[in-house]
Amino acid sequence: MLQKITIDQLKPGMFVHQIVEQKGKLSITNQGRVTSDAIINTLKKRGVKTLVIDTDKAFNPNSNADSSTGAVASPSAVKQTASKSVSFDTELARAVKLHEQGKAIQHALQKNLQKEMPFDGSIPKAFSSKLVESVERNPDALLCLTKIREKDDYLLEHSLNVAILLANFAKHLGMTDNEVNELSYAGFLHDLGKIMIPDEILHKPGRLTDEEMDIMKGHVQHGVDHLLETDIQPHLIQAVAEHHERLDGLGYPQGKKGDEISMAGRMLAIADMYDALTADRVYKSGMSSQKAFSILMSEAPTRLDMYLVQQFIKCLGIYPVGSLVLLSNERLAMVMHQNDSPLTPEVKVFYSVKQGHYLTPKDVDLKTDKSLTIVKAITASDYNIDINAFFERSVYV
């Protein structure tokens, strides 16, 4: 399991997965084992402040380990590019079925909690593994579906979308296959307790009173209490318990602060907040990804982990797959694929703002088509567009 620590907490026998914060220039090329205090002192001299260790790779520093494995990787060396073994169109058909299956499983889990009945953890765990497999085949398909929402299904879709976001986020950070699966699983289960919150509070359009907020905050403990009756591993339940904790100690339910919050809990908090901000609800439209990113950055480093927020934004891209943009020719397009140029993704043009009607969809690679640029990110509600209908008619065909 990956764990964020300070340089003062680093000990011989630990395996360094990633440098998180450093001062000055750092020239380190490999991940590796910390075999001696000398290596720690070298890292300190090179300005390392915080880093990520892999507790699963801890070892006995007194063994005959090759000290040459003591070098540590820079974040850029760790980043892995998601492989695409199948086309977007091919994976989308499977992804749509997975998305519907996920909502059905969420509904069944919530009903079990309402009836105070335990559930078989193997079902959502196996489903989370299928999500990760889809991300490995082509991450764009499921990411696109996180933008296609039904307002009445927010409670079902939110945890499903968080699981998808975490699978992509964990892979971006270079986590092991097991860690990617576990984080996706935790995301899928993280908001189960909300089914126990009265609808008039859960779906209230205005600001909650202090009493109502206390009831709302109880959803975390409701979920944790239920998970404790299952065979789910304790560290995953811990991540679920921490998704509303904040680094300044002003989160809930325990008011944890700083290093008391696990890396998984920090990642879950970011994905949870992002999806909630961008989601359409019955009583409000979701905001653009860019506005959500701005809010996440404003919460860091006081409340959210700055490094992880930056990496989350880098993972999704400035214009995430499935988001909508206004182009310089007054046409709207959906982002279909990120490339190595974050400001010029591949898009599907589908609507004329000037003429106020839908167009025959056209794929455009903004990296090669220099005649067009993105003016700004927009939401479907900005132009009163039924994005779900467009998706079913022009993308999922």
Foldseek 3Di string as FASTA:
>chain_A
DKWKDFLVPDDAQWWFAEQQDFPDDDDFAATAGRLDVVLSVVCVVRGGTMTMTDPVRGGDSPDPDDCVRNTRHYQVNQFDDQDAQDDLLVLLVVLVVLQVVQLVVLVVLLVCLVVVHADALVVLLVSLLVLLVSCNNPLLNNQLVLLQDDQVSCSSSLLQQLLSLQLLLCNRSNHDSVVSSLLSSLSSQLQSLQSVQDPCLVQPLDDDDPVSVVSNLCSLVSSLVNCVPYPDDPVSSLLSNLLQAWQLQPGDDVSDHDSVRTPSNLLSVLSSQQSVQCPCHPNGHHFFSQVSLVVVCVSPDNTGPNSSSVSSCVSQANQGANFWFQKPQQWIWGFRADDPDRQFGWTWTFGHRVVLGTDQTDIDGRVPPVVMGTPGTGHCVVSVHNVNVCCVVHPND
